[in-house]
Amino acid sequence: MTGKRTERRDLIVNTASSTRTIAFLGDYLPRKCGIATFTSDLLGAVAAHRPRSHCFAVPVNDIEGCYRYPDVVRFEI
């Protein structure tokens, strides 16, 4: 094979996202597990980075009753 190298250049797109509502599906605090902590932290980080977007959580319950979720939780599965 001849020695021609193909270089890939990543392009950065500087356009605003039209996404205004973002749902995070997964476990959520106060459930005590790593996924719940991760989902909560991720939602907080995205909401802080995109203050015009509406972020909310949709947690998956593992018990018959329900947890006392914060206001950011809109629905439960």
PDB file of N, CA and C in Angstrom:
ATOM      1  N   MET A   1       0.838  -1.169   0.000  1.00  0.00           N
ATOM      2  CA  MET A   1       0.000   0.000   0.000  1.00  0.00           C
ATOM      3  C   MET A   1       0.888   1.238   0.000  1.00  0.00           C
ATOM      4  N   THR A   2       0.514   2.224  -0.760  1.00  0.00           N
ATOM      5  CA  THR A   2       1.307   3.445  -0.790  1.00  0.00           C
ATOM      6  C   THR A   2       1.050   4.253   0.457  1.00  0.00           C
ATOM      7  N   GLY A   3       1.942   5.149   0.779  1.00  0.00           N
ATOM      8  CA  GLY A   3       1.936   5.841   2.054  1.00  0.00           C
ATOM      9  C   GLY A   3       1.100   7.095   2.166  1.00  0.00           C
ATOM     10  N   LYS A   4      -0.025   7.172   1.518  1.00  0.00           N
ATOM     11  CA  LYS A   4      -0.888   8.348   1.686  1.00  0.00           C
ATOM     12  C   LYS A   4      -1.727   8.179   2.943  1.00  0.00           C
ATOM     13  N   ARG A   5      -1.651   9.177   3.810  1.00  0.00           N
ATOM     14  CA  ARG A   5      -2.441   9.152   5.045  1.00  0.00           C
ATOM     15  C   ARG A   5      -3.634  10.067   4.896  1.00  0.00           C
ATOM     16  N   THR A   6      -4.738   9.589   5.348  1.00  0.00           N
ATOM     17  CA  THR A   6      -5.938  10.411   5.351  1.00  0.00           C
ATOM     18  C   THR A   6      -6.123  10.949   6.759  1.00  0.00           C
ATOM     19  N   GLU A   7      -6.146  12.266   6.885  1.00  0.00           N
ATOM     20  CA  GLU A   7      -6.342  12.873   8.186  1.00  0.00           C
ATOM     21  C   GLU A   7      -7.798  13.279   8.346  1.00  0.00           C
ATOM     22  N   ARG A   8      -8.333  12.963   9.497  1.00  0.00           N
ATOM     23  CA  ARG A   8      -9.713  13.323   9.792  1.00  0.00           C
ATOM     24  C   ARG A   8      -9.705  14.556  10.668  1.00  0.00           C
ATOM     25  N   ARG A   9     -10.465  15.523  10.288  1.00  0.00           N
ATOM     26  CA  ARG A   9     -10.591  16.746  11.077  1.00  0.00           C
ATOM     27  C   ARG A   9     -12.001  16.845  11.593  1.00  0.00           C
ATOM     28  N   ASP A  10     -12.131  16.965  12.891  1.00  0.00           N
ATOM     29  CA  ASP A  10     -13.444  17.120  13.491  1.00  0.00           C
ATOM     30  C   ASP A  10     -13.893  18.568  13.334  1.00  0.00           C
ATOM     31  N   LEU A  11     -15.106  18.728  12.935  1.00  0.00           N
ATOM     32  CA  LEU A  11     -15.661  20.061  12.753  1.00  0.00           C
ATOM     33  C   LEU A  11     -16.485  20.441  13.978  1.00  0.00           C
ATOM     34  N   ILE A  12     -16.348  21.644  14.397  1.00  0.00           N
ATOM     35  CA  ILE A  12     -17.132  22.157  15.509  1.00  0.00           C
ATOM     36  C   ILE A  12     -18.259  22.996  14.926  1.00  0.00           C
ATOM     37  N   VAL A  13     -19.467  22.656  15.305  1.00  0.00           N
ATOM     38  CA  VAL A  13     -20.638  23.374  14.820  1.00  0.00           C
ATOM     39  C   VAL A  13     -21.066  24.345  15.907  1.00  0.00           C
ATOM     40  N   ASN A  14     -21.114  25.604  15.582  1.00  0.00           N
ATOM     41  CA  ASN A  14     -21.462  26.637  16.545  1.00  0.00           C
ATOM     42  C   ASN A  14     -22.880  27.158  16.328  1.00  0.00           C
ATOM     43  N   THR A  15     -23.834  26.246  16.324  1.00  0.00           N
ATOM     44  CA  THR A  15     -25.223  26.662  16.202  1.00  0.00           C
ATOM     45  C   THR A  15     -25.951  26.298  17.493  1.00  0.00           C
ATOM     46  N   ALA A  16     -26.915  27.110  17.857  1.00  0.00           N
ATOM     47  CA  ALA A  16     -27.676  26.862  19.074  1.00  0.00           C
ATOM     48  C   ALA A  16     -28.606  25.676  18.870  1.00  0.00           C
ATOM     49  N   SER A  17     -28.741  24.885  19.902  1.00  0.00           N
ATOM     50  CA  SER A  17     -29.643  23.750  19.857  1.00  0.00           C
ATOM     51  C   SER A  17     -31.083  24.232  19.987  1.00  0.00           C
ATOM     52  N   SER A  18     -31.965  23.590  19.266  1.00  0.00           N
ATOM     53  CA  SER A  18     -33.373  23.944  19.381  1.00  0.00           C
ATOM     54  C   SER A  18     -34.065  23.101  20.457  1.00  0.00           C
ATOM     55  N   THR A  19     -33.326  22.217  21.112  1.00  0.00           N
ATOM     56  CA  THR A  19     -33.894  21.378  22.154  1.00  0.00           C
ATOM     57  C   THR A  19     -34.210  22.227  23.372  1.00  0.00           C
ATOM     58  N   ARG A  20     -35.454  22.185  23.819  1.00  0.00           N
ATOM     59  CA  ARG A  20     -35.866  22.988  24.961  1.00  0.00           C
ATOM     60  C   ARG A  20     -36.328  22.138  26.138  1.00  0.00           C
ATOM     61  N   THR A  21     -36.647  20.868  25.893  1.00  0.00           N
ATOM     62  CA  THR A  21     -37.088  19.977  26.963  1.00  0.00           C
ATOM     63  C   THR A  21     -36.228  18.722  26.933  1.00  0.00           C
ATOM     64  N   ILE A  22     -35.657  18.378  28.088  1.00  0.00           N
ATOM     65  CA  ILE A  22     -34.776  17.217  28.181  1.00  0.00           C
ATOM     66  C   ILE A  22     -35.224  16.371  29.361  1.00  0.00           C
ATOM     67  N   ALA A  23     -35.560  15.118  29.098  1.00  0.00           N
ATOM     68  CA  ALA A  23     -35.964  14.185  30.148  1.00  0.00           C
ATOM     69  C   ALA A  23     -34.816  13.224  30.432  1.00  0.00           C
ATOM     70  N   PHE A  24     -34.585  12.951  31.700  1.00  0.00           N
ATOM     71  CA  PHE A  24     -33.552  12.016  32.129  1.00  0.00           C
ATOM     72  C   PHE A  24     -34.237  10.798  32.741  1.00  0.00           C
ATOM     73  N   LEU A  25     -34.132   9.671  32.069  1.00  0.00           N
ATOM     74  CA  LEU A  25     -34.769   8.439  32.499  1.00  0.00           C
ATOM     75  C   LEU A  25     -33.738   7.560  33.187  1.00  0.00           C
ATOM     76  N   GLY A  26     -34.021   7.171  34.421  1.00  0.00           N
ATOM     77  CA  GLY A  26     -33.109   6.318  35.173  1.00  0.00           C
ATOM     78  C   GLY A  26     -33.453   6.392  36.643  1.00  0.00           C
ATOM     79  N   ASP A  27     -32.666   5.761  37.470  1.00  0.00           N
ATOM     80  CA  ASP A  27     -32.878   5.881  38.912  1.00  0.00           C
ATOM     81  C   ASP A  27     -32.596   7.320  39.320  1.00  0.00           C
ATOM     82  N   TYR A  28     -33.191   7.745  40.431  1.00  0.00           N
ATOM     83  CA  TYR A  28     -33.018   9.131  40.866  1.00  0.00           C
ATOM     84  C   TYR A  28     -33.030   9.199  42.387  1.00  0.00           C
ATOM     85  N   LEU A  29     -32.341  10.192  42.916  1.00  0.00           N
ATOM     86  CA  LEU A  29     -32.309  10.385  44.361  1.00  0.00           C
ATOM     87  C   LEU A  29     -33.704  10.698  44.874  1.00  0.00           C
ATOM     88  N   PRO A  30     -34.095  10.193  46.009  1.00  0.00           N
ATOM     89  CA  PRO A  30     -33.310   9.705  47.134  1.00  0.00           C
ATOM     90  C   PRO A  30     -32.972   8.217  47.098  1.00  0.00           C
ATOM     91  N   ARG A  31     -33.299   7.523  45.998  1.00  0.00           N
ATOM     92  CA  ARG A  31     -32.884   6.119  45.913  1.00  0.00           C
ATOM     93  C   ARG A  31     -31.381   6.058  46.057  1.00  0.00           C
ATOM     94  N   LYS A  32     -30.902   5.126  46.840  1.00  0.00           N
ATOM     95  CA  LYS A  32     -29.476   5.033  47.147  1.00  0.00           C
ATOM     96  C   LYS A  32     -28.784   4.046  46.205  1.00  0.00           C
ATOM     97  N   CYS A  33     -28.320   4.565  45.093  1.00  0.00           N
ATOM     98  CA  CYS A  33     -27.524   3.755  44.166  1.00  0.00           C
ATOM     99  C   CYS A  33     -26.711   4.693  43.284  1.00  0.00           C
ATOM    100  N   GLY A  34     -25.693   4.169  42.683  1.00  0.00           N
ATOM    101  CA  GLY A  34     -24.800   4.981  41.858  1.00  0.00           C
ATOM    102  C   GLY A  34     -25.485   5.582  40.643  1.00  0.00           C
ATOM    103  N   ILE A  35     -26.406   4.843  40.037  1.00  0.00           N
ATOM    104  CA  ILE A  35     -27.113   5.368  38.856  1.00  0.00           C
ATOM    105  C   ILE A  35     -27.984   6.561  39.257  1.00  0.00           C
ATOM    106  N   ALA A  36     -28.620   6.494  40.427  1.00  0.00           N
ATOM    107  CA  ALA A  36     -29.446   7.609  40.901  1.00  0.00           C
ATOM    108  C   ALA A  36     -28.592   8.859  41.105  1.00  0.00           C
ATOM    109  N   THR A  37     -27.434   8.681  41.698  1.00  0.00           N
ATOM    110  CA  THR A  37     -26.523   9.811  41.909  1.00  0.00           C
ATOM    111  C   THR A  37     -26.045  10.369  40.570  1.00  0.00           C
ATOM    112  N   PHE A  38     -25.677   9.485  39.647  1.00  0.00           N
ATOM    113  CA  PHE A  38     -25.212   9.913  38.327  1.00  0.00           C
ATOM    114  C   PHE A  38     -26.309  10.682  37.585  1.00  0.00           C
ATOM    115  N   THR A  39     -27.539  10.159  37.581  1.00  0.00           N
ATOM    116  CA  THR A  39     -28.641  10.821  36.880  1.00  0.00           C
ATOM    117  C   THR A  39     -28.909  12.204  37.472  1.00  0.00           C
ATOM    118  N   SER A  40     -28.882  12.288  38.790  1.00  0.00           N
ATOM    119  CA  SER A  40     -29.097  13.575  39.462  1.00  0.00           C
ATOM    120  C   SER A  40     -27.992  14.573  39.111  1.00  0.00           C
ATOM    121  N   ASP A  41     -26.751  14.125  39.156  1.00  0.00           N
ATOM    122  CA  ASP A  41     -25.622  15.002  38.819  1.00  0.00           C
ATOM    123  C   ASP A  41     -25.659  15.429  37.357  1.00  0.00           C
ATOM    124  N   LEU A  42     -25.993  14.491  36.470  1.00  0.00           N
ATOM    125  CA  LEU A  42     -26.059  14.797  35.040  1.00  0.00           C
ATOM    126  C   LEU A  42     -27.161  15.816  34.754  1.00  0.00           C
ATOM    127  N   LEU A  43     -28.342  15.617  35.335  1.00  0.00           N
ATOM    128  CA  LEU A  43     -29.435  16.568  35.153  1.00  0.00           C
ATOM    129  C   LEU A  43     -29.029  17.947  35.640  1.00  0.00           C
ATOM    130  N   GLY A  44     -28.408  18.022  36.808  1.00  0.00           N
ATOM    131  CA  GLY A  44     -27.972  19.309  37.346  1.00  0.00           C
ATOM    132  C   GLY A  44     -26.957  20.002  36.454  1.00  0.00           C
ATOM    133  N   ALA A  45     -26.014  19.231  35.910  1.00  0.00           N
ATOM    134  CA  ALA A  45     -24.978  19.809  35.048  1.00  0.00           C
ATOM    135  C   ALA A  45     -25.573  20.313  33.730  1.00  0.00           C
ATOM    136  N   VAL A  46     -26.445  19.530  33.129  1.00  0.00           N
ATOM    137  CA  VAL A  46     -27.062  19.940  31.860  1.00  0.00           C
ATOM    138  C   VAL A  46     -27.960  21.157  32.084  1.00  0.00           C
ATOM    139  N   ALA A  47     -28.732  21.147  33.161  1.00  0.00           N
ATOM    140  CA  ALA A  47     -29.609  22.286  33.460  1.00  0.00           C
ATOM    141  C   ALA A  47     -28.798  23.562  33.695  1.00  0.00           C
ATOM    142  N   ALA A  48     -27.649  23.443  34.336  1.00  0.00           N
ATOM    143  CA  ALA A  48     -26.798  24.612  34.572  1.00  0.00           C
ATOM    144  C   ALA A  48     -26.174  25.110  33.266  1.00  0.00           C
ATOM    145  N   HIS A  49     -25.825  24.173  32.376  1.00  0.00           N
ATOM    146  CA  HIS A  49     -25.183  24.534  31.103  1.00  0.00           C
ATOM    147  C   HIS A  49     -26.196  25.064  30.086  1.00  0.00           C
ATOM    148  N   ARG A  50     -27.426  24.609  30.186  1.00  0.00           N
ATOM    149  CA  ARG A  50     -28.500  25.023  29.265  1.00  0.00           C
ATOM    150  C   ARG A  50     -29.667  25.602  30.067  1.00  0.00           C
ATOM    151  N   PRO A  51     -29.509  26.799  30.645  1.00  0.00           N
ATOM    152  CA  PRO A  51     -30.543  27.353  31.524  1.00  0.00           C
ATOM    153  C   PRO A  51     -31.884  27.620  30.835  1.00  0.00           C
ATOM    154  N   ARG A  52     -31.912  27.719  29.518  1.00  0.00           N
ATOM    155  CA  ARG A  52     -33.172  27.947  28.805  1.00  0.00           C
ATOM    156  C   ARG A  52     -33.943  26.652  28.558  1.00  0.00           C
ATOM    157  N   SER A  53     -33.298  25.519  28.772  1.00  0.00           N
ATOM    158  CA  SER A  53     -33.958  24.234  28.586  1.00  0.00           C
ATOM    159  C   SER A  53     -34.686  23.822  29.855  1.00  0.00           C
ATOM    160  N   HIS A  54     -35.750  23.074  29.682  1.00  0.00           N
ATOM    161  CA  HIS A  54     -36.513  22.534  30.806  1.00  0.00           C
ATOM    162  C   HIS A  54     -36.061  21.086  31.008  1.00  0.00           C
ATOM    163  N   CYS A  55     -35.355  20.820  32.089  1.00  0.00           N
ATOM    164  CA  CYS A  55     -34.865  19.480  32.391  1.00  0.00           C
ATOM    165  C   CYS A  55     -35.695  18.867  33.506  1.00  0.00           C
ATOM    166  N   PHE A  56     -36.036  17.590  33.342  1.00  0.00           N
ATOM    167  CA  PHE A  56     -36.759  16.899  34.403  1.00  0.00           C
ATOM    168  C   PHE A  56     -36.378  15.428  34.411  1.00  0.00           C
ATOM    169  N   ALA A  57     -36.681  14.761  35.518  1.00  0.00           N
ATOM    170  CA  ALA A  57     -36.319  13.359  35.692  1.00  0.00           C
ATOM    171  C   ALA A  57     -37.548  12.472  35.633  1.00  0.00           C
ATOM    172  N   VAL A  58     -37.344  11.266  35.111  1.00  0.00           N
ATOM    173  CA  VAL A  58     -38.359  10.223  35.099  1.00  0.00           C
ATOM    174  C   VAL A  58     -37.706   8.988  35.717  1.00  0.00           C
ATOM    175  N   PRO A  59     -37.828   8.822  37.036  1.00  0.00           N
ATOM    176  CA  PRO A  59     -37.149   7.710  37.690  1.00  0.00           C
ATOM    177  C   PRO A  59     -37.891   6.385  37.548  1.00  0.00           C
ATOM    178  N   VAL A  60     -37.118   5.313  37.654  1.00  0.00           N
ATOM    179  CA  VAL A  60     -37.640   3.957  37.638  1.00  0.00           C
ATOM    180  C   VAL A  60     -37.684   3.484  39.083  1.00  0.00           C
ATOM    181  N   ASN A  61     -38.888   3.163  39.578  1.00  0.00           N
ATOM    182  CA  ASN A  61     -39.033   2.739  40.966  1.00  0.00           C
ATOM    183  C   ASN A  61     -38.745   1.254  41.123  1.00  0.00           C
ATOM    184  N   ASP A  62     -38.206   0.907  42.268  1.00  0.00           N
ATOM    185  CA  ASP A  62     -37.921  -0.492  42.572  1.00  0.00           C
ATOM    186  C   ASP A  62     -38.730  -1.003  43.761  1.00  0.00           C
ATOM    187  N   ILE A  63     -39.660  -0.190  44.246  1.00  0.00           N
ATOM    188  CA  ILE A  63     -40.487  -0.588  45.378  1.00  0.00           C
ATOM    189  C   ILE A  63     -41.948  -0.345  45.052  1.00  0.00           C
ATOM    190  N   GLU A  64     -42.832  -1.031  45.761  1.00  0.00           N
ATOM    191  CA  GLU A  64     -44.276  -0.902  45.531  1.00  0.00           C
ATOM    192  C   GLU A  64     -44.761   0.521  45.795  1.00  0.00           C
ATOM    193  N   GLY A  65     -44.333   1.096  46.915  1.00  0.00           N
ATOM    194  CA  GLY A  65     -44.688   2.482  47.215  1.00  0.00           C
ATOM    195  C   GLY A  65     -43.839   3.405  46.360  1.00  0.00           C
ATOM    196  N   CYS A  66     -43.694   4.619  46.781  1.00  0.00           N
ATOM    197  CA  CYS A  66     -42.843   5.519  46.006  1.00  0.00           C
ATOM    198  C   CYS A  66     -41.885   6.267  46.921  1.00  0.00           C
ATOM    199  N   TYR A  67     -40.868   6.793  46.338  1.00  0.00           N
ATOM    200  CA  TYR A  67     -39.914   7.624  47.055  1.00  0.00           C
ATOM    201  C   TYR A  67     -40.454   9.046  47.135  1.00  0.00           C
ATOM    202  N   ARG A  68     -39.909   9.820  48.028  1.00  0.00           N
ATOM    203  CA  ARG A  68     -40.246  11.254  48.094  1.00  0.00           C
ATOM    204  C   ARG A  68     -39.236  11.991  47.216  1.00  0.00           C
ATOM    205  N   TYR A  69     -39.600  12.127  45.974  1.00  0.00           N
ATOM    206  CA  TYR A  69     -38.711  12.738  45.000  1.00  0.00           C
ATOM    207  C   TYR A  69     -38.768  14.260  45.076  1.00  0.00           C
ATOM    208  N   PRO A  70     -37.693  14.918  44.629  1.00  0.00           N
ATOM    209  CA  PRO A  70     -37.714  16.383  44.545  1.00  0.00           C
ATOM    210  C   PRO A  70     -38.623  16.844  43.403  1.00  0.00           C
ATOM    211  N   ASP A  71     -38.876  18.126  43.333  1.00  0.00           N
ATOM    212  CA  ASP A  71     -39.789  18.698  42.331  1.00  0.00           C
ATOM    213  C   ASP A  71     -39.349  18.491  40.899  1.00  0.00           C
ATOM    214  N   VAL A  72     -38.086  18.216  40.676  1.00  0.00           N
ATOM    215  CA  VAL A  72     -37.580  18.033  39.305  1.00  0.00           C
ATOM    216  C   VAL A  72     -38.110  16.722  38.696  1.00  0.00           C
ATOM    217  N   VAL A  73     -38.643  15.843  39.516  1.00  0.00           N
ATOM    218  CA  VAL A  73     -39.237  14.589  39.032  1.00  0.00           C
ATOM    219  C   VAL A  73     -40.674  14.864  38.581  1.00  0.00           C
ATOM    220  N   ARG A  74     -40.972  14.526  37.326  1.00  0.00           N
ATOM    221  CA  ARG A  74     -42.286  14.790  36.763  1.00  0.00           C
ATOM    222  C   ARG A  74     -43.162  13.545  36.683  1.00  0.00           C
ATOM    223  N   PHE A  75     -42.564  12.419  36.377  1.00  0.00           N
ATOM    224  CA  PHE A  75     -43.280  11.153  36.211  1.00  0.00           C
ATOM    225  C   PHE A  75     -42.475  10.058  36.894  1.00  0.00           C
ATOM    226  N   GLU A  76     -43.101   8.918  37.143  1.00  0.00           N
ATOM    227  CA  GLU A  76     -42.408   7.749  37.678  1.00  0.00           C
ATOM    228  C   GLU A  76     -42.774   6.532  36.865  1.00  0.00           C
ATOM    229  N   ILE A  77     -41.827   5.625  36.699  1.00  0.00           N
ATOM    230  CA  ILE A  77     -42.079   4.362  36.020  1.00  0.00           C
ATOM    231  C   ILE A  77     -41.920   3.249  37.038  1.00  0.00           C
TER     232      ILE A  77
END
